């Protein structure tokens, strides 16, 4: 029997890949000729209208005399401005994740009794099937926690006697269970990877029902289960800011597309996880952190504006870091003048940086945030404003919380599973058509040639 390396790129594969690449490339001019909005966005960043939602709304423009005028970015959850929601639970010194989860799923803010019952319900679901950790998570641990998370979600299908029931009550039950279990699945996956691949001690802490979701993450992750109130509150804020971002973001649109086919909840969520894993989506904050690590090594003075600007210009010219031509954490598909999530984050990040004695890094982040839009505007034609997005600060926050890099994107997933759940239910409740946009074929018609004549 022929043996081969599973991941080996053989000469035959390399030769075939050239053929595949040549036949897969489409003349870029054809996209303009047929008015194809690549990425389903026009040149100003405005998305193609593909559906309606009552869950989340992003505002980057005001309409003035029939014209779109860029404005400071706004984000609404069920009609509530995100700044107001954050101000509400922060001023009352409460955790916000459970409250905002209730809002996104059920459309209204809970009263104290409803919030207490809902928090208890989520807590009651923080229990994996017997031997799941041993048989699923501990076996074949992956270096990528997002893949492990998706595998665990798909495996949970086998433990659910009503896995294919897409009635709203059953889907709600499945979604609540996944919201509760995502932190366990991701943290346990990391513990297994850390043990088997890095040789570190293995910690599998049993959940404590009285903890909030943010506290629960830190409790199960850290060897001694200890954390400060500030750390838990900042992580809670990060979760709230990442929970929802309208129906058009890549992973949520994936939720709509896959749900419209009538498939089960586990398959839909696994598909969305695959989307979120991508470095252009949920994996972007890792790129930001690595970019800053490179920057800190290359700069002689972190407070020298000319030197920082020169480094950023080099990035745009593909002369530095990963040679992609990108300044990671800057710009957004929709926002122009500002990303409200980044603005909210920054006001709390400074407090954490002071507590962690990392103010010098915070000042560098602030300097890059100010200089990058100027550098980009000098170098490239800008059709809309450029500002820091939420990924710009989130990776810095996670590093100050001593969270491993492998969990940065899974933490995004722990939050966004709430938005996915709300959108999946909305898609099913409206019983819409299967989503199938049009693609125009630009291939030339050809006559068939018999094998012997080719």
Protein backbone atom coordinates (compact mmCIF):
# COMPACT_ATOMS: atom_id res chain seq x y z
CA UNK A 1 0.00 0.00 0.00
CA UNK A 2 1.34 3.41 -0.94
CA UNK A 3 2.24 5.51 2.08
CA UNK A 4 2.34 9.28 2.04
CA UNK A 5 2.65 12.21 4.39
CA UNK A 6 -0.82 13.64 4.95
CA UNK A 7 0.36 17.23 4.63
CA UNK A 8 3.05 16.69 2.00
CA UNK A 9 3.01 18.93 -1.08
CA UNK A 10 4.30 16.53 -3.73
CA UNK A 11 5.76 17.70 -7.06
CA UNK A 12 2.61 16.44 -8.74
CA UNK A 13 0.41 18.55 -6.48
CA UNK A 14 2.62 21.60 -7.08
CA UNK A 15 2.37 21.16 -10.84
CA UNK A 16 -1.40 20.66 -10.71
CA UNK A 17 -1.75 23.71 -8.47
CA UNK A 18 -0.23 25.91 -11.18
CA UNK A 19 -2.82 24.63 -13.63
CA UNK A 20 -5.55 25.16 -11.05
CA UNK A 21 -4.38 28.70 -10.34
CA UNK A 22 -4.19 29.64 -14.01
CA UNK A 23 -7.71 28.42 -14.72
CA UNK A 24 -9.14 30.03 -11.56
CA UNK A 25 -8.06 33.62 -12.16
CA UNK A 26 -10.65 36.00 -13.59
CA UNK A 27 -9.78 39.22 -15.42
CA UNK A 28 -10.24 42.00 -12.80
CA UNK A 29 -11.68 44.34 -15.46
CA UNK A 30 -14.69 42.03 -15.83
CA UNK A 31 -15.84 42.85 -12.29
CA UNK A 32 -16.15 46.50 -13.27
CA UNK A 33 -17.68 45.67 -16.66
CA UNK A 34 -20.52 43.70 -15.07
CA UNK A 35 -20.83 45.99 -12.03
CA UNK A 36 -19.98 43.19 -9.61
CA UNK A 37 -19.66 44.51 -6.06
CA UNK A 38 -16.81 42.39 -4.78
CA UNK A 39 -17.22 41.53 -1.12
CA UNK A 40 -20.86 42.58 -1.61
CA UNK A 41 -19.80 46.19 -0.96
CA UNK A 42 -19.55 49.21 -3.22
CA UNK A 43 -16.50 51.46 -3.45
CA UNK A 44 -17.64 53.57 -0.46
CA UNK A 45 -18.02 50.48 1.71
CA UNK A 46 -21.80 50.42 1.53
CA UNK A 47 -23.07 46.84 1.65
CA UNK A 48 -25.47 45.24 -0.81
CA UNK A 49 -28.85 44.94 0.91
CA UNK A 50 -29.42 41.20 1.41
CA UNK A 51 -31.90 41.06 4.27
CA UNK A 52 -33.65 42.76 7.16
CA UNK A 53 -32.94 42.44 10.88
CA UNK A 54 -34.07 43.89 14.20
CA UNK A 55 -31.06 42.61 16.15
CA UNK A 56 -28.13 44.90 15.43
CA UNK A 57 -27.46 48.06 13.46
CA UNK A 58 -24.26 49.82 12.42
CA UNK A 59 -24.32 53.51 11.53
CA UNK A 60 -21.38 55.16 9.78
CA UNK A 61 -23.22 57.84 7.75
CA UNK A 62 -25.93 60.45 8.19
CA UNK A 63 -28.23 61.31 5.29
CA UNK A 64 -28.04 65.07 4.66
CA UNK A 65 -30.09 66.45 1.74
CA UNK A 66 -30.07 63.03 0.13
CA UNK A 67 -26.29 62.63 0.47
CA UNK A 68 -24.34 60.23 2.66
CA UNK A 69 -22.16 62.18 5.09
CA UNK A 70 -19.68 60.22 7.27
CA UNK A 71 -20.40 60.43 10.99
CA UNK A 72 -18.93 59.06 14.19
CA UNK A 73 -19.72 55.34 14.24
CA UNK A 74 -22.68 54.06 16.20
CA UNK A 75 -23.68 50.52 17.10
CA UNK A 76 -27.15 49.52 18.26
CA UNK A 77 -28.27 46.30 19.95
CA UNK A 78 -32.05 45.91 19.51
CA UNK A 79 -32.30 49.70 19.11
CA UNK A 80 -30.19 50.54 22.17
CA UNK A 81 -26.96 52.45 21.56
CA UNK A 82 -23.98 50.39 22.74
CA UNK A 83 -22.53 53.31 24.71
CA UNK A 84 -25.75 53.59 26.73
CA UNK A 85 -25.83 49.85 27.43
CA UNK A 86 -22.22 49.79 28.59
CA UNK A 87 -22.66 52.92 30.67
CA UNK A 88 -25.70 51.31 32.30
CA UNK A 89 -24.14 48.15 33.66
CA UNK A 90 -20.70 49.70 34.31
CA UNK A 91 -22.13 52.58 36.36
CA UNK A 92 -24.09 50.09 38.46
CA UNK A 93 -20.96 47.93 38.87
CA UNK A 94 -22.57 44.87 37.28
CA UNK A 95 -21.42 42.34 34.73
CA UNK A 96 -23.12 42.91 31.39
CA UNK A 97 -22.76 39.72 29.35
CA UNK A 98 -25.83 37.89 30.67
CA UNK A 99 -28.02 41.02 30.55
CA UNK A 100 -27.07 41.88 26.95
CA UNK A 101 -27.45 38.23 25.90
CA UNK A 102 -31.04 38.41 27.17
CA UNK A 103 -31.57 41.65 25.22
CA UNK A 104 -30.25 40.26 21.93
CA UNK A 105 -32.23 37.03 22.16
CA UNK A 106 -35.53 38.36 23.49
CA UNK A 107 -35.59 41.99 22.33
CA UNK A 108 -35.94 43.75 25.70
CA UNK A 109 -33.85 44.51 28.74
CA UNK A 110 -34.63 42.13 31.62
CA UNK A 111 -35.90 43.24 35.00
CA UNK A 112 -33.92 42.03 38.06
CA UNK A 113 -36.00 38.86 38.47
CA UNK A 114 -35.81 37.91 34.77
CA UNK A 115 -32.07 38.56 34.72
CA UNK A 116 -31.51 36.41 37.79
CA UNK A 117 -33.53 33.50 36.37
CA UNK A 118 -31.82 33.78 33.00
CA UNK A 119 -28.34 33.84 34.56
CA UNK A 120 -29.23 30.73 36.57
CA UNK A 121 -30.48 29.02 33.39
CA UNK A 122 -27.21 29.73 31.56
CA UNK A 123 -25.23 28.53 34.55
CA UNK A 124 -27.22 25.28 34.67
CA UNK A 125 -26.11 24.55 31.09
CA UNK A 126 -22.39 24.74 31.95
CA UNK A 127 -22.06 20.99 32.04
CA UNK A 128 -20.59 18.82 29.30
CA UNK A 129 -21.79 15.26 28.64
CA UNK A 130 -20.14 12.52 30.68
CA UNK A 131 -16.60 11.74 29.48
CA UNK A 132 -16.81 14.44 26.76
CA UNK A 133 -13.62 16.10 27.98
CA UNK A 134 -11.76 12.79 28.11
CA UNK A 135 -13.07 11.26 24.88
CA UNK A 136 -13.35 14.33 22.64
CA UNK A 137 -11.30 17.27 23.88
CA UNK A 138 -8.33 15.38 25.29
CA UNK A 139 -7.88 13.25 22.19
CA UNK A 140 -6.11 14.65 19.11
CA UNK A 141 -5.70 18.18 20.56
CA UNK A 142 -5.22 20.76 17.83
CA UNK A 143 -2.86 23.72 17.76
CA UNK A 144 -5.81 25.85 16.66
CA UNK A 145 -8.53 26.24 19.26
CA UNK A 146 -11.08 27.40 16.68
CA UNK A 147 -10.83 24.08 14.86
CA UNK A 148 -11.11 22.22 18.15
CA UNK A 149 -14.12 24.35 19.08
CA UNK A 150 -15.82 23.57 15.76
CA UNK A 151 -15.08 19.87 16.16
CA UNK A 152 -16.55 19.89 19.67
CA UNK A 153 -19.68 21.68 18.47
CA UNK A 154 -20.21 19.14 15.68
CA UNK A 155 -19.63 16.28 18.12
CA UNK A 156 -22.29 17.64 20.49
CA UNK A 157 -24.78 16.87 17.72
CA UNK A 158 -24.31 13.18 18.55
CA UNK A 159 -25.32 13.78 22.18
CA UNK A 160 -28.54 15.62 21.32
CA UNK A 161 -31.65 13.48 20.83
CA UNK A 162 -33.37 16.46 19.15
CA UNK A 163 -30.37 17.57 17.10
CA UNK A 164 -32.27 18.04 13.81
CA UNK A 165 -35.36 19.67 15.30
CA UNK A 166 -35.32 23.27 14.04
CA UNK A 167 -38.44 24.42 15.86
CA UNK A 168 -37.81 27.71 17.64
CA UNK A 169 -38.09 26.31 21.22
CA UNK A 170 -35.58 23.58 20.46
CA UNK A 171 -33.18 25.89 18.61
CA UNK A 172 -33.35 28.34 21.54
CA UNK A 173 -32.49 25.51 23.94
CA UNK A 174 -29.54 24.46 21.74
CA UNK A 175 -28.31 28.05 21.42
CA UNK A 176 -28.45 28.69 25.16
CA UNK A 177 -26.51 25.51 25.80
CA UNK A 178 -23.84 26.49 23.26
CA UNK A 179 -23.58 30.02 24.71
CA UNK A 180 -23.01 28.48 28.14
CA UNK A 181 -20.59 25.80 26.91
CA UNK A 182 -18.34 27.81 24.56
CA UNK A 183 -16.02 29.01 27.37
CA UNK A 184 -15.61 25.45 28.67
CA UNK A 185 -15.01 23.98 25.24
CA UNK A 186 -12.39 26.59 24.31
CA UNK A 187 -10.56 26.72 27.65
CA UNK A 188 -10.45 22.94 28.06
CA UNK A 189 -9.19 22.64 24.48
CA UNK A 190 -6.39 25.06 25.29
CA UNK A 191 -5.50 23.20 28.49
CA UNK A 192 -5.25 19.93 26.54
CA UNK A 193 -3.09 21.54 23.83
CA UNK A 194 -0.88 23.24 26.41
CA UNK A 195 -0.36 19.93 28.21
CA UNK A 196 0.27 17.61 25.27
CA UNK A 197 2.13 19.99 22.96
CA UNK A 198 3.91 22.32 25.39
CA UNK A 199 4.39 19.91 28.28
CA UNK A 200 2.63 22.15 30.80
CA UNK A 201 0.57 20.95 33.74
CA UNK A 202 -3.02 20.02 32.95
CA UNK A 203 -5.79 21.99 34.69
CA UNK A 204 -9.45 21.10 34.28
CA UNK A 205 -11.36 23.25 36.75
CA UNK A 206 -15.01 22.43 37.43
CA UNK A 207 -17.34 25.40 36.75
CA UNK A 208 -18.75 27.36 39.67
CA UNK A 209 -22.43 28.20 39.09
CA UNK A 210 -22.35 31.53 40.91
CA UNK A 211 -19.77 33.08 38.56
CA UNK A 212 -20.52 35.37 35.64
CA UNK A 213 -19.39 34.28 32.18
CA UNK A 214 -16.30 36.52 32.28
CA UNK A 215 -15.35 35.31 35.76
CA UNK A 216 -15.95 31.74 34.67
CA UNK A 217 -13.48 32.10 31.77
CA UNK A 218 -10.70 33.39 34.03
CA UNK A 219 -11.52 30.90 36.78
CA UNK A 220 -11.27 27.84 34.50
CA UNK A 221 -8.26 29.15 32.55
CA UNK A 222 -5.84 30.16 35.27
CA UNK A 223 -3.99 27.46 37.24
CA UNK A 224 -4.88 29.06 40.58
CA UNK A 225 -8.32 30.26 39.38
CA UNK A 226 -7.60 33.74 40.74
CA UNK A 227 -8.44 37.06 39.08
CA UNK A 228 -9.13 40.65 40.06
CA UNK A 229 -12.46 42.41 39.75
CA UNK A 230 -10.93 44.82 37.21
CA UNK A 231 -9.73 41.93 35.05
CA UNK A 232 -13.14 40.25 35.07
CA UNK A 233 -14.96 43.52 34.35
CA UNK A 234 -12.68 44.35 31.40
CA UNK A 235 -13.13 40.85 29.93
CA UNK A 236 -16.90 41.18 30.43
CA UNK A 237 -16.80 44.48 28.52
CA UNK A 238 -14.83 42.83 25.70
CA UNK A 239 -17.47 40.10 25.42
CA UNK A 240 -20.31 42.63 25.26
CA UNK A 241 -18.57 44.69 22.56
CA UNK A 242 -18.03 41.60 20.40
CA UNK A 243 -21.48 40.01 20.80
CA UNK A 244 -23.22 41.43 17.76
CA UNK A 245 -22.42 43.51 14.69
CA UNK A 246 -25.38 43.39 12.35
CA UNK A 247 -26.40 40.70 9.89
CA UNK A 248 -23.82 41.48 7.24
CA UNK A 249 -20.55 40.65 8.99
CA UNK A 250 -18.99 37.54 7.48
CA UNK A 251 -19.69 35.02 10.24
CA UNK A 252 -23.22 36.24 10.97
CA UNK A 253 -24.07 36.28 7.28
CA UNK A 254 -22.74 32.71 7.23
CA UNK A 255 -25.22 31.93 10.00
CA UNK A 256 -28.05 33.29 7.86
CA UNK A 257 -26.90 31.51 4.70
CA UNK A 258 -26.45 28.11 6.34
CA UNK A 259 -29.57 28.41 8.51
CA UNK A 260 -31.64 29.23 5.42
CA UNK A 261 -30.90 25.73 4.12
CA UNK A 262 -32.78 24.23 7.09
CA UNK A 263 -29.73 22.52 8.58
CA UNK A 264 -29.22 21.80 12.28
CA UNK A 265 -27.91 24.30 14.84
CA UNK A 266 -24.57 22.53 15.35
CA UNK A 267 -23.75 22.59 11.63
CA UNK A 268 -24.74 26.25 11.35
CA UNK A 269 -22.60 27.28 14.32
CA UNK A 270 -19.62 25.24 13.12
CA UNK A 271 -19.86 27.02 9.76
CA UNK A 272 -19.83 30.41 11.47
CA UNK A 273 -16.82 29.37 13.52
CA UNK A 274 -14.99 28.57 10.29
CA UNK A 275 -15.71 32.09 9.08
CA UNK A 276 -14.70 33.77 12.32
CA UNK A 277 -11.38 31.94 12.37
CA UNK A 278 -10.15 33.83 9.30
CA UNK A 279 -7.50 36.55 9.81
CA UNK A 280 -9.70 39.01 7.90
CA UNK A 281 -12.41 38.54 10.51
CA UNK A 282 -12.02 37.22 14.05
CA UNK A 283 -8.33 36.48 13.76
CA UNK A 284 -7.43 40.11 13.08
CA UNK A 285 -6.52 41.00 16.67
CA UNK A 286 -3.74 38.39 16.62
CA UNK A 287 -2.26 40.17 13.62
CA UNK A 288 -2.41 43.47 15.52
CA UNK A 289 -0.53 42.03 18.52
CA UNK A 290 2.16 40.46 16.31
CA UNK A 291 2.51 43.70 14.35
CA UNK A 292 3.09 45.66 17.55
CA UNK A 293 5.62 43.10 18.78
CA UNK A 294 7.53 43.61 15.55
CA UNK A 295 7.18 47.37 15.87
CA UNK A 296 8.51 47.43 19.43
CA UNK A 297 11.58 45.51 18.32
CA UNK A 298 12.27 47.73 15.31
CA UNK A 299 11.73 51.16 16.91
CA UNK A 300 14.55 52.78 18.85
CA UNK A 301 12.12 55.19 20.54
CA UNK A 302 8.44 54.38 20.97
CA UNK A 303 7.53 58.07 21.40
CA UNK A 304 9.29 59.34 18.27
CA UNK A 305 6.48 60.34 15.90
CA UNK A 306 8.70 60.48 12.82
CA UNK A 307 10.12 57.02 13.49
CA UNK A 308 6.68 55.52 14.14
CA UNK A 309 5.28 57.16 11.00
CA UNK A 310 8.21 55.80 8.97
CA UNK A 311 7.51 52.29 10.28
CA UNK A 312 3.83 52.59 9.35
CA UNK A 313 4.75 53.86 5.87
CA UNK A 314 6.98 50.84 5.47
CA UNK A 315 4.05 48.59 6.29
CA UNK A 316 1.97 50.17 3.54
CA UNK A 317 4.83 49.69 1.08
CA UNK A 318 5.10 46.01 2.05
CA UNK A 319 8.58 46.62 3.45
CA UNK A 320 7.85 45.52 7.02
CA UNK A 321 6.26 42.91 9.25
CA UNK A 322 4.40 40.37 7.06
CA UNK A 323 4.74 42.37 3.79
CA UNK A 324 0.97 42.44 3.34
CA UNK A 325 0.72 46.19 2.82
CA UNK A 326 -1.70 46.48 5.74
CA UNK A 327 -1.68 48.33 9.04
CA UNK A 328 -3.65 45.86 11.11
CA UNK A 329 -6.38 47.22 13.36
CA UNK A 330 -6.93 50.26 11.16
CA UNK A 331 -10.02 50.67 8.98
CA UNK A 332 -13.31 48.83 8.81
CA UNK A 333 -15.64 47.63 6.09
CA UNK A 334 -18.41 49.95 7.32
CA UNK A 335 -17.15 52.47 9.90
CA UNK A 336 -15.33 55.54 8.63
CA UNK A 337 -14.66 58.23 11.24
CA UNK A 338 -14.66 55.92 14.26
CA UNK A 339 -15.54 52.45 15.54
CA UNK A 340 -17.61 52.95 18.72
CA UNK A 341 -16.35 49.66 20.12
CA UNK A 342 -12.75 50.86 19.87
CA UNK A 343 -13.68 54.19 21.46
CA UNK A 344 -15.37 52.46 24.41
CA UNK A 345 -12.54 49.98 24.78
CA UNK A 346 -9.88 52.65 24.88
CA UNK A 347 -11.46 54.44 27.86
CA UNK A 348 -11.15 51.23 29.90
CA UNK A 349 -7.86 50.00 28.46
CA UNK A 350 -5.96 52.88 30.02
CA UNK A 351 -7.08 51.86 33.52
CA UNK A 352 -5.98 48.28 32.90
CA UNK A 353 -2.63 49.44 31.48
CA UNK A 354 -2.01 51.51 34.60
CA UNK A 355 -2.87 48.54 36.83
CA UNK A 356 -0.56 46.27 34.82
CA UNK A 357 2.28 48.84 34.58
CA UNK A 358 2.12 48.89 30.77
CA UNK A 359 1.41 52.55 30.13
CA UNK A 360 4.39 52.88 27.77
CA UNK A 361 2.77 50.33 25.45
CA UNK A 362 -0.60 52.05 25.79
CA UNK A 363 1.00 55.35 24.72
CA UNK A 364 2.49 53.59 21.67
CA UNK A 365 -0.94 52.21 20.73
CA UNK A 366 -2.43 55.69 21.12
CA UNK A 367 0.30 57.21 18.94
CA UNK A 368 -0.23 54.63 16.18
CA UNK A 369 -3.98 55.19 16.37
CA UNK A 370 -3.42 58.91 15.74
CA UNK A 371 -0.70 58.64 13.09
CA UNK A 372 -1.94 55.68 11.00
CA UNK A 373 -4.91 57.48 9.36
CA UNK A 374 -2.58 60.33 8.35
CA UNK A 375 -0.01 57.93 6.91
CA UNK A 376 -2.67 55.99 4.99
CA UNK A 377 -4.26 59.17 3.62
CA UNK A 378 -0.88 60.36 2.27
CA UNK A 379 -0.14 57.04 0.60
CA UNK A 380 -3.48 55.87 -0.77
CA UNK A 381 -6.73 57.19 -2.20
CA UNK A 382 -9.32 56.94 0.56
CA UNK A 383 -12.99 56.63 -0.34
CA UNK A 384 -14.11 56.84 3.27
CA UNK A 385 -12.50 57.61 6.61
CA UNK A 386 -9.98 55.31 8.29
CA UNK A 387 -9.94 54.80 12.05
CA UNK A 388 -8.97 52.21 14.64
CA UNK A 389 -11.33 49.24 14.83
CA UNK A 390 -12.13 47.04 17.82
CA UNK A 391 -9.32 44.61 16.97
CA UNK A 392 -6.79 47.39 17.47
CA UNK A 393 -7.17 47.31 21.25
CA UNK A 394 -8.70 43.90 21.98
CA UNK A 395 -5.46 41.95 21.50
CA UNK A 396 -3.61 44.39 23.79
CA UNK A 397 -6.31 43.89 26.42
CA UNK A 398 -6.07 40.11 26.19
CA UNK A 399 -2.29 40.24 26.53
CA UNK A 400 -2.64 42.36 29.69
CA UNK A 401 -5.07 39.76 31.01
CA UNK A 402 -2.36 37.15 30.40
CA UNK A 403 -4.65 35.25 28.04
CA UNK A 404 -2.81 32.93 25.65
CA UNK A 405 -2.69 33.98 22.01
CA UNK A 406 -4.43 30.72 21.08
CA UNK A 407 -7.60 31.91 22.85
CA UNK A 408 -7.89 35.40 21.33
CA UNK A 409 -10.23 34.35 18.51
CA UNK A 410 -12.16 31.79 20.61
CA UNK A 411 -12.97 34.61 23.06
CA UNK A 412 -14.46 36.49 20.11
CA UNK A 413 -16.49 33.34 19.41
CA UNK A 414 -17.63 33.11 23.06
CA UNK A 415 -19.21 36.53 22.54
CA UNK A 416 -20.41 36.32 18.94
CA UNK A 417 -22.24 33.00 19.52
CA UNK A 418 -24.90 35.22 21.11
CA UNK A 419 -25.36 37.26 17.94
CA UNK A 420 -25.27 34.14 15.78
CA UNK A 421 -27.98 32.58 17.94
CA UNK A 422 -30.25 35.61 17.66
CA UNK A 423 -29.77 35.77 13.88
CA UNK A 424 -30.32 32.03 13.42
CA UNK A 425 -33.62 32.26 15.27
CA UNK A 426 -34.58 35.36 13.27
CA UNK A 427 -33.81 33.54 9.99
CA UNK A 428 -35.85 30.49 10.97
CA UNK A 429 -38.72 32.52 12.44
CA UNK A 430 -39.22 34.40 9.18
CA UNK A 431 -39.18 31.20 7.12
CA UNK A 432 -37.40 32.87 4.25
CA UNK A 433 -36.09 31.36 1.05
CA UNK A 434 -32.76 29.60 0.88
CA UNK A 435 -30.12 32.28 0.28
CA UNK A 436 -28.71 31.96 -3.23
CA UNK A 437 -27.16 35.05 -4.83
CA UNK A 438 -26.26 35.12 -8.51
CA UNK A 439 -22.85 34.52 -10.05
CA UNK A 440 -22.35 35.37 -13.72
CA UNK A 441 -20.30 32.91 -15.73
CA UNK A 442 -17.65 34.54 -17.92
CA UNK A 443 -16.26 31.28 -19.30
CA UNK A 444 -16.27 30.77 -23.06
CA UNK A 445 -18.47 27.97 -24.43
CA UNK A 446 -16.48 25.05 -25.85
CA UNK A 447 -17.16 21.96 -27.91
CA UNK A 448 -16.43 18.56 -26.39
CA UNK A 449 -13.34 16.78 -27.77
CA UNK A 450 -12.99 13.03 -27.47
CA UNK A 451 -10.17 11.76 -25.26
CA UNK A 452 -8.26 10.27 -28.23
CA UNK A 453 -8.32 13.61 -30.05
CA UNK A 454 -7.07 15.85 -27.22
